Amino acid sequence: LAVSVLADSDKKESTDLKYVDGFSLRIMGKYHPEK
């Protein structure tokens, strides 16, 4: 029961966030343009 509740909590937190692809931001430390 406890594990199930904690998993549901983590899942809820995940769905509340907005995610963007790292490649839409600035990538540092590599010199080539391959994705």
ModelCIF file with pLDDT and N, C-alpha, C, O atoms, coordinates in Angstrom:
data_MODEL
#
_entry.id   MODEL 
#
_entity.id                         1 
_entity.type                       polymer 
_entity.pdbx_number_of_molecules   1 
#
_entity_poly.entity_id                      1 
_entity_poly.type                           'polypeptide(L)' 
_entity_poly.nstd_linkage                   no 
_entity_poly.nstd_monomer                   no 
_entity_poly.pdbx_seq_one_letter_code       LAVSVLADSDKKESTDLKYVDGFSLRIMGKYHPEK 
_entity_poly.pdbx_seq_one_letter_code_can   LAVSVLADSDKKESTDLKYVDGFSLRIMGKYHPEK 
_entity_poly.pdbx_strand_id                 A 
#
loop_
_entity_poly_seq.entity_id 
_entity_poly_seq.num 
_entity_poly_seq.mon_id 
_entity_poly_seq.hetero 
1 1  LEU n 
1 2  ALA n 
1 3  VAL n 
1 4  SER n 
1 5  VAL n 
1 6  LEU n 
1 7  ALA n 
1 8  ASP n 
1 9  SER n 
1 10 ASP n 
1 11 LYS n 
1 12 LYS n 
1 13 GLU n 
1 14 SER n 
1 15 THR n 
1 16 ASP n 
1 17 LEU n 
1 18 LYS n 
1 19 TYR n 
1 20 VAL n 
1 21 ASP n 
1 22 GLY n 
1 23 PHE n 
1 24 SER n 
1 25 LEU n 
1 26 ARG n 
1 27 ILE n 
1 28 MET n 
1 29 GLY n 
1 30 LYS n 
1 31 TYR n 
1 32 HIS n 
1 33 PRO n 
1 34 GLU n 
1 35 LYS n 
#
_struct_asym.id          A 
_struct_asym.entity_id   1 
#
loop_
_ma_qa_metric.id 
_ma_qa_metric.mode 
_ma_qa_metric.name 
_ma_qa_metric.software_group_id 
_ma_qa_metric.type 
1 global pLDDT . pLDDT 
2 local  pLDDT . pLDDT 
#
_ma_qa_metric_global.metric_id      1 
_ma_qa_metric_global.metric_value   73.31 
_ma_qa_metric_global.model_id       1 
_ma_qa_metric_global.ordinal_id     1 
#
loop_
_ma_qa_metric_local.label_asym_id 
_ma_qa_metric_local.label_comp_id 
_ma_qa_metric_local.label_seq_id 
_ma_qa_metric_local.metric_id 
_ma_qa_metric_local.metric_value 
_ma_qa_metric_local.model_id 
_ma_qa_metric_local.ordinal_id 
A LEU 1  2 39.00 1 1  
A ALA 2  2 42.00 1 2  
A VAL 3  2 38.00 1 3  
A SER 4  2 41.00 1 4  
A VAL 5  2 38.00 1 5  
A LEU 6  2 37.00 1 6  
A ALA 7  2 39.00 1 7  
A ASP 8  2 39.00 1 8  
A SER 9  2 36.00 1 9  
A ASP 10 2 42.00 1 10 
A LYS 11 2 39.00 1 11 
A LYS 12 2 37.00 1 12 
A GLU 13 2 46.00 1 13 
A SER 14 2 50.00 1 14 
A THR 15 2 58.00 1 15 
A ASP 16 2 90.00 1 16 
A LEU 17 2 98.00 1 17 
A LYS 18 2 98.00 1 18 
A TYR 19 2 98.00 1 19 
A VAL 20 2 98.00 1 20 
A ASP 21 2 98.00 1 21 
A GLY 22 2 98.00 1 22 
A PHE 23 2 98.00 1 23 
A SER 24 2 98.00 1 24 
A LEU 25 2 98.00 1 25 
A ARG 26 2 97.00 1 26 
A ILE 27 2 97.00 1 27 
A MET 28 2 97.00 1 28 
A GLY 29 2 97.00 1 29 
A LYS 30 2 97.00 1 30 
A TYR 31 2 97.00 1 31 
A HIS 32 2 98.00 1 32 
A PRO 33 2 97.00 1 33 
A GLU 34 2 98.00 1 34 
A LYS 35 2 98.00 1 35 
#
loop_
_atom_site.group_PDB 
_atom_site.id 
_atom_site.type_symbol 
_atom_site.label_atom_id 
_atom_site.label_alt_id 
_atom_site.label_comp_id 
_atom_site.label_asym_id 
_atom_site.label_entity_id 
_atom_site.label_seq_id 
_atom_site.pdbx_PDB_ins_code 
_atom_site.Cartn_x 
_atom_site.Cartn_y 
_atom_site.Cartn_z 
_atom_site.occupancy 
_atom_site.B_iso_or_equiv 
_atom_site.pdbx_formal_charge 
_atom_site.auth_seq_id 
_atom_site.auth_comp_id 
_atom_site.auth_asym_id 
_atom_site.auth_atom_id 
_atom_site.pdbx_PDB_model_num 
ATOM 1   N N  . LEU A 1 1  ? 0.825  -1.201 0.000   1.00 39.00 ? 1  LEU A N  1 
ATOM 2   C CA . LEU A 1 1  ? 0.000  0.000  0.000   1.00 39.00 ? 1  LEU A CA 1 
ATOM 3   C C  . LEU A 1 1  ? 0.863  1.256  0.000   1.00 39.00 ? 1  LEU A C  1 
ATOM 4   O O  . LEU A 1 1  ? 0.608  2.195  -0.754  1.00 39.00 ? 1  LEU A O  1 
ATOM 5   N N  . ALA A 1 2  ? 1.894  1.264  0.861   1.00 42.00 ? 2  ALA A N  1 
ATOM 6   C CA . ALA A 1 2  ? 2.757  2.438  0.957   1.00 42.00 ? 2  ALA A CA 1 
ATOM 7   C C  . ALA A 1 2  ? 3.507  2.672  -0.352  1.00 42.00 ? 2  ALA A C  1 
ATOM 8   O O  . ALA A 1 2  ? 3.585  3.800  -0.839  1.00 42.00 ? 2  ALA A O  1 
ATOM 9   N N  . VAL A 1 3  ? 4.063  1.588  -0.919  1.00 38.00 ? 3  VAL A N  1 
ATOM 10  C CA . VAL A 1 3  ? 4.787  1.715  -2.178  1.00 38.00 ? 3  VAL A CA 1 
ATOM 11  C C  . VAL A 1 3  ? 3.866  2.212  -3.276  1.00 38.00 ? 3  VAL A C  1 
ATOM 12  O O  . VAL A 1 3  ? 4.254  3.050  -4.090  1.00 38.00 ? 3  VAL A O  1 
ATOM 13  N N  . SER A 1 4  ? 2.624  1.687  -3.298  1.00 41.00 ? 4  SER A N  1 
ATOM 14  C CA . SER A 1 4  ? 1.662  2.110  -4.311  1.00 41.00 ? 4  SER A CA 1 
ATOM 15  C C  . SER A 1 4  ? 1.337  3.587  -4.182  1.00 41.00 ? 4  SER A C  1 
ATOM 16  O O  . SER A 1 4  ? 1.255  4.301  -5.181  1.00 41.00 ? 4  SER A O  1 
ATOM 17  N N  . VAL A 1 5  ? 1.151  4.047  -2.937  1.00 38.00 ? 5  VAL A N  1 
ATOM 18  C CA . VAL A 1 5  ? 0.827  5.454  -2.695  1.00 38.00 ? 5  VAL A CA 1 
ATOM 19  C C  . VAL A 1 5  ? 1.985  6.343  -3.126  1.00 38.00 ? 5  VAL A C  1 
ATOM 20  O O  . VAL A 1 5  ? 1.785  7.375  -3.767  1.00 38.00 ? 5  VAL A O  1 
ATOM 21  N N  . LEU A 1 6  ? 3.215  5.928  -2.763  1.00 37.00 ? 6  LEU A N  1 
ATOM 22  C CA . LEU A 1 6  ? 4.373  6.733  -3.127  1.00 37.00 ? 6  LEU A CA 1 
ATOM 23  C C  . LEU A 1 6  ? 4.547  6.784  -4.638  1.00 37.00 ? 6  LEU A C  1 
ATOM 24  O O  . LEU A 1 6  ? 4.881  7.831  -5.194  1.00 37.00 ? 6  LEU A O  1 
ATOM 25  N N  . ALA A 1 7  ? 4.323  5.661  -5.298  1.00 39.00 ? 7  ALA A N  1 
ATOM 26  C CA . ALA A 1 7  ? 4.432  5.634  -6.762  1.00 39.00 ? 7  ALA A CA 1 
ATOM 27  C C  . ALA A 1 7  ? 3.413  6.554  -7.395  1.00 39.00 ? 7  ALA A C  1 
ATOM 28  O O  . ALA A 1 7  ? 3.726  7.274  -8.344  1.00 39.00 ? 7  ALA A O  1 
ATOM 29  N N  . ASP A 1 8  ? 2.172  6.537  -6.868  1.00 39.00 ? 8  ASP A N  1 
ATOM 30  C CA . ASP A 1 8  ? 1.140  7.428  -7.403  1.00 39.00 ? 8  ASP A CA 1 
ATOM 31  C C  . ASP A 1 8  ? 1.525  8.883  -7.208  1.00 39.00 ? 8  ASP A C  1 
ATOM 32  O O  . ASP A 1 8  ? 1.280  9.724  -8.072  1.00 39.00 ? 8  ASP A O  1 
ATOM 33  N N  . SER A 1 9  ? 2.136  9.173  -6.050  1.00 36.00 ? 9  SER A N  1 
ATOM 34  C CA . SER A 1 9  ? 2.557  10.549 -5.777  1.00 36.00 ? 9  SER A CA 1 
ATOM 35  C C  . SER A 1 9  ? 3.600  11.005 -6.773  1.00 36.00 ? 9  SER A C  1 
ATOM 36  O O  . SER A 1 9  ? 3.509  12.109 -7.310  1.00 36.00 ? 9  SER A O  1 
ATOM 37  N N  . ASP A 1 10 ? 4.630  10.130 -7.036  1.00 42.00 ? 10 ASP A N  1 
ATOM 38  C CA . ASP A 1 10 ? 5.657  10.476 -8.004  1.00 42.00 ? 10 ASP A CA 1 
ATOM 39  C C  . ASP A 1 10 ? 5.053  10.672 -9.382  1.00 42.00 ? 10 ASP A C  1 
ATOM 40  O O  . ASP A 1 10 ? 5.439  11.583 -10.114 1.00 42.00 ? 10 ASP A O  1 
ATOM 41  N N  . LYS A 1 11 ? 4.099  9.810  -9.735  1.00 39.00 ? 11 LYS A N  1 
ATOM 42  C CA . LYS A 1 11 ? 3.457  9.900  -11.039 1.00 39.00 ? 11 LYS A CA 1 
ATOM 43  C C  . LYS A 1 11 ? 2.700  11.207 -11.182 1.00 39.00 ? 11 LYS A C  1 
ATOM 44  O O  . LYS A 1 11 ? 2.721  11.835 -12.240 1.00 39.00 ? 11 LYS A O  1 
ATOM 45  N N  . LYS A 1 12 ? 2.031  11.612 -10.111 1.00 37.00 ? 12 LYS A N  1 
ATOM 46  C CA . LYS A 1 12 ? 1.282  12.869 -10.138 1.00 37.00 ? 12 LYS A CA 1 
ATOM 47  C C  . LYS A 1 12 ? 2.228  14.046 -10.343 1.00 37.00 ? 12 LYS A C  1 
ATOM 48  O O  . LYS A 1 12 ? 1.944  14.956 -11.121 1.00 37.00 ? 12 LYS A O  1 
ATOM 49  N N  . GLU A 1 13 ? 3.376  14.016 -9.622  1.00 46.00 ? 13 GLU A N  1 
ATOM 50  C CA . GLU A 1 13 ? 4.333  15.093 -9.763  1.00 46.00 ? 13 GLU A CA 1 
ATOM 51  C C  . GLU A 1 13 ? 4.832  15.173 -11.206 1.00 46.00 ? 13 GLU A C  1 
ATOM 52  O O  . GLU A 1 13 ? 4.996  16.263 -11.754 1.00 46.00 ? 13 GLU A O  1 
ATOM 53  N N  . SER A 1 14 ? 5.073  14.004 -11.821 1.00 50.00 ? 14 SER A N  1 
ATOM 54  C CA . SER A 1 14 ? 5.568  13.961 -13.191 1.00 50.00 ? 14 SER A CA 1 
ATOM 55  C C  . SER A 1 14 ? 4.575  14.602 -14.155 1.00 50.00 ? 14 SER A C  1 
ATOM 56  O O  . SER A 1 14 ? 4.970  15.409 -14.997 1.00 50.00 ? 14 SER A O  1 
ATOM 57  N N  . THR A 1 15 ? 3.290  14.255 -14.045 1.00 58.00 ? 15 THR A N  1 
ATOM 58  C CA . THR A 1 15 ? 2.307  14.756 -14.991 1.00 58.00 ? 15 THR A CA 1 
ATOM 59  C C  . THR A 1 15 ? 2.050  16.251 -14.796 1.00 58.00 ? 15 THR A C  1 
ATOM 60  O O  . THR A 1 15 ? 1.506  16.902 -15.689 1.00 58.00 ? 15 THR A O  1 
ATOM 61  N N  . ASP A 1 16 ? 2.427  16.793 -13.662 1.00 90.00 ? 16 ASP A N  1 
ATOM 62  C CA . ASP A 1 16 ? 2.227  18.214 -13.411 1.00 90.00 ? 16 ASP A CA 1 
ATOM 63  C C  . ASP A 1 16 ? 3.307  19.083 -14.041 1.00 90.00 ? 16 ASP A C  1 
ATOM 64  O O  . ASP A 1 16 ? 3.168  20.306 -14.055 1.00 90.00 ? 16 ASP A O  1 
ATOM 65  N N  . LEU A 1 17 ? 4.384  18.488 -14.564 1.00 98.00 ? 17 LEU A N  1 
ATOM 66  C CA . LEU A 1 17 ? 5.496  19.259 -15.094 1.00 98.00 ? 17 LEU A CA 1 
ATOM 67  C C  . LEU A 1 17 ? 5.458  19.307 -16.619 1.00 98.00 ? 17 LEU A C  1 
ATOM 68  O O  . LEU A 1 17 ? 4.907  18.424 -17.277 1.00 98.00 ? 17 LEU A O  1 
ATOM 69  N N  . LYS A 1 18 ? 6.055  20.354 -17.152 1.00 98.00 ? 18 LYS A N  1 
ATOM 70  C CA . LYS A 1 18 ? 6.192  20.502 -18.598 1.00 98.00 ? 18 LYS A CA 1 
ATOM 71  C C  . LYS A 1 18 ? 7.651  20.231 -18.966 1.00 98.00 ? 18 LYS A C  1 
ATOM 72  O O  . LYS A 1 18 ? 8.561  20.825 -18.388 1.00 98.00 ? 18 LYS A O  1 
ATOM 73  N N  . TYR A 1 19 ? 7.870  19.334 -19.925 1.00 98.00 ? 19 TYR A N  1 
ATOM 74  C CA . TYR A 1 19 ? 9.225  18.954 -20.307 1.00 98.00 ? 19 TYR A CA 1 
ATOM 75  C C  . TYR A 1 19 ? 9.575  19.477 -21.696 1.00 98.00 ? 19 TYR A C  1 
ATOM 76  O O  . TYR A 1 19 ? 8.736  19.494 -22.596 1.00 98.00 ? 19 TYR A O  1 
ATOM 77  N N  . VAL A 1 20 ? 10.823 19.901 -21.855 1.00 98.00 ? 20 VAL A N  1 
ATOM 78  C CA . VAL A 1 20 ? 11.327 20.340 -23.155 1.00 98.00 ? 20 VAL A CA 1 
ATOM 79  C C  . VAL A 1 20 ? 12.563 19.524 -23.503 1.00 98.00 ? 20 VAL A C  1 
ATOM 80  O O  . VAL A 1 20 ? 13.330 19.136 -22.622 1.00 98.00 ? 20 VAL A O  1 
ATOM 81  N N  . ASP A 1 21 ? 12.750 19.268 -24.781 1.00 98.00 ? 21 ASP A N  1 
ATOM 82  C CA . ASP A 1 21 ? 13.903 18.520 -25.268 1.00 98.00 ? 21 ASP A CA 1 
ATOM 83  C C  . ASP A 1 21 ? 15.186 19.309 -25.004 1.00 98.00 ? 21 ASP A C  1 
ATOM 84  O O  . ASP A 1 21 ? 15.240 20.517 -25.238 1.00 98.00 ? 21 ASP A O  1 
ATOM 85  N N  . GLY A 1 22 ? 16.213 18.621 -24.517 1.00 98.00 ? 22 GLY A N  1 
ATOM 86  C CA . GLY A 1 22 ? 17.487 19.285 -24.262 1.00 98.00 ? 22 GLY A CA 1 
ATOM 87  C C  . GLY A 1 22 ? 18.044 19.989 -25.484 1.00 98.00 ? 22 GLY A C  1 
ATOM 88  O O  . GLY A 1 22 ? 18.727 21.006 -25.357 1.00 98.00 ? 22 GLY A O  1 
ATOM 89  N N  . PHE A 1 23 ? 17.758 19.458 -26.674 1.00 98.00 ? 23 PHE A N  1 
ATOM 90  C CA . PHE A 1 23 ? 18.287 20.066 -27.891 1.00 98.00 ? 23 PHE A CA 1 
ATOM 91  C C  . PHE A 1 23 ? 17.591 21.375 -28.257 1.00 98.00 ? 23 PHE A C  1 
ATOM 92  O O  . PHE A 1 23 ? 18.036 22.078 -29.164 1.00 98.00 ? 23 PHE A O  1 
ATOM 93  N N  . SER A 1 24 ? 16.516 21.703 -27.570 1.00 98.00 ? 24 SER A N  1 
ATOM 94  C CA . SER A 1 24 ? 15.898 23.013 -27.796 1.00 98.00 ? 24 SER A CA 1 
ATOM 95  C C  . SER A 1 24 ? 16.602 24.096 -26.982 1.00 98.00 ? 24 SER A C  1 
ATOM 96  O O  . SER A 1 24 ? 16.280 25.278 -27.103 1.00 98.00 ? 24 SER A O  1 
ATOM 97  N N  . LEU A 1 25 ? 17.557 23.692 -26.156 1.00 98.00 ? 25 LEU A N  1 
ATOM 98  C CA . LEU A 1 25 ? 18.326 24.610 -25.320 1.00 98.00 ? 25 LEU A CA 1 
ATOM 99  C C  . LEU A 1 25 ? 19.772 24.646 -25.834 1.00 98.00 ? 25 LEU A C  1 
ATOM 100 O O  . LEU A 1 25 ? 20.063 24.084 -26.890 1.00 98.00 ? 25 LEU A O  1 
ATOM 101 N N  . ARG A 1 26 ? 20.670 25.294 -25.105 1.00 97.00 ? 26 ARG A N  1 
ATOM 102 C CA . ARG A 1 26 ? 22.058 25.394 -25.570 1.00 97.00 ? 26 ARG A CA 1 
ATOM 103 C C  . ARG A 1 26 ? 22.847 24.170 -25.113 1.00 97.00 ? 26 ARG A C  1 
ATOM 104 O O  . ARG A 1 26 ? 22.899 23.863 -23.922 1.00 97.00 ? 26 ARG A O  1 
ATOM 105 N N  . ILE A 1 27 ? 23.458 23.478 -26.068 1.00 97.00 ? 27 ILE A N  1 
ATOM 106 C CA . ILE A 1 27 ? 24.301 22.326 -25.766 1.00 97.00 ? 27 ILE A CA 1 
ATOM 107 C C  . ILE A 1 27 ? 25.752 22.782 -25.769 1.00 97.00 ? 27 ILE A C  1 
ATOM 108 O O  . ILE A 1 27 ? 26.223 23.373 -26.740 1.00 97.00 ? 27 ILE A O  1 
ATOM 109 N N  . MET A 1 28 ? 26.453 22.506 -24.687 1.00 97.00 ? 28 MET A N  1 
ATOM 110 C CA . MET A 1 28 ? 27.852 22.894 -24.557 1.00 97.00 ? 28 MET A CA 1 
ATOM 111 C C  . MET A 1 28 ? 28.714 21.631 -24.463 1.00 97.00 ? 28 MET A C  1 
ATOM 112 O O  . MET A 1 28 ? 28.240 20.575 -24.044 1.00 97.00 ? 28 MET A O  1 
ATOM 113 N N  . GLY A 1 29 ? 29.983 21.753 -24.855 1.00 97.00 ? 29 GLY A N  1 
ATOM 114 C CA . GLY A 1 29 ? 30.917 20.654 -24.670 1.00 97.00 ? 29 GLY A CA 1 
ATOM 115 C C  . GLY A 1 29 ? 31.017 19.693 -25.832 1.00 97.00 ? 29 GLY A C  1 
ATOM 116 O O  . GLY A 1 29 ? 31.687 18.666 -25.716 1.00 97.00 ? 29 GLY A O  1 
ATOM 117 N N  . LYS A 1 30 ? 30.372 19.990 -26.955 1.00 97.00 ? 30 LYS A N  1 
ATOM 118 C CA . LYS A 1 30 ? 30.532 19.195 -28.174 1.00 97.00 ? 30 LYS A CA 1 
ATOM 119 C C  . LYS A 1 30 ? 30.640 20.155 -29.353 1.00 97.00 ? 30 LYS A C  1 
ATOM 120 O O  . LYS A 1 30 ? 30.031 21.224 -29.355 1.00 97.00 ? 30 LYS A O  1 
ATOM 121 N N  . TYR A 1 31 ? 31.422 19.762 -30.352 1.00 97.00 ? 31 TYR A N  1 
ATOM 122 C CA . TYR A 1 31 ? 31.699 20.721 -31.427 1.00 97.00 ? 31 TYR A CA 1 
ATOM 123 C C  . TYR A 1 31 ? 30.901 20.474 -32.695 1.00 97.00 ? 31 TYR A C  1 
ATOM 124 O O  . TYR A 1 31 ? 30.856 21.338 -33.571 1.00 97.00 ? 31 TYR A O  1 
ATOM 125 N N  . HIS A 1 32 ? 30.277 19.324 -32.810 1.00 98.00 ? 32 HIS A N  1 
ATOM 126 C CA . HIS A 1 32 ? 29.577 19.001 -34.055 1.00 98.00 ? 32 HIS A CA 1 
ATOM 127 C C  . HIS A 1 32 ? 28.069 19.219 -33.885 1.00 98.00 ? 32 HIS A C  1 
ATOM 128 O O  . HIS A 1 32 ? 27.569 19.216 -32.760 1.00 98.00 ? 32 HIS A O  1 
ATOM 129 N N  . PRO A 1 33 ? 27.341 19.407 -34.995 1.00 97.00 ? 33 PRO A N  1 
ATOM 130 C CA . PRO A 1 33 ? 25.921 19.763 -34.902 1.00 97.00 ? 33 PRO A CA 1 
ATOM 131 C C  . PRO A 1 33 ? 24.969 18.571 -34.867 1.00 97.00 ? 33 PRO A C  1 
ATOM 132 O O  . PRO A 1 33 ? 23.754 18.765 -34.827 1.00 97.00 ? 33 PRO A O  1 
ATOM 133 N N  . GLU A 1 34 ? 25.487 17.347 -34.881 1.00 98.00 ? 34 GLU A N  1 
ATOM 134 C CA . GLU A 1 34 ? 24.607 16.181 -34.911 1.00 98.00 ? 34 GLU A CA 1 
ATOM 135 C C  . GLU A 1 34 ? 23.722 16.147 -33.665 1.00 98.00 ? 34 GLU A C  1 
ATOM 136 O O  . GLU A 1 34 ? 24.148 16.527 -32.574 1.00 98.00 ? 34 GLU A O  1 
ATOM 137 N N  . LYS A 1 35 ? 22.499 15.691 -33.844 1.00 98.00 ? 35 LYS A N  1 
ATOM 138 C CA . LYS A 1 35 ? 21.536 15.688 -32.754 1.00 98.00 ? 35 LYS A CA 1 
ATOM 139 C C  . LYS A 1 35 ? 21.710 14.436 -31.889 1.00 98.00 ? 35 LYS A C  1 
ATOM 140 O O  . LYS A 1 35 ? 20.983 14.254 -30.913 1.00 98.00 ? 35 LYS A O  1 
#
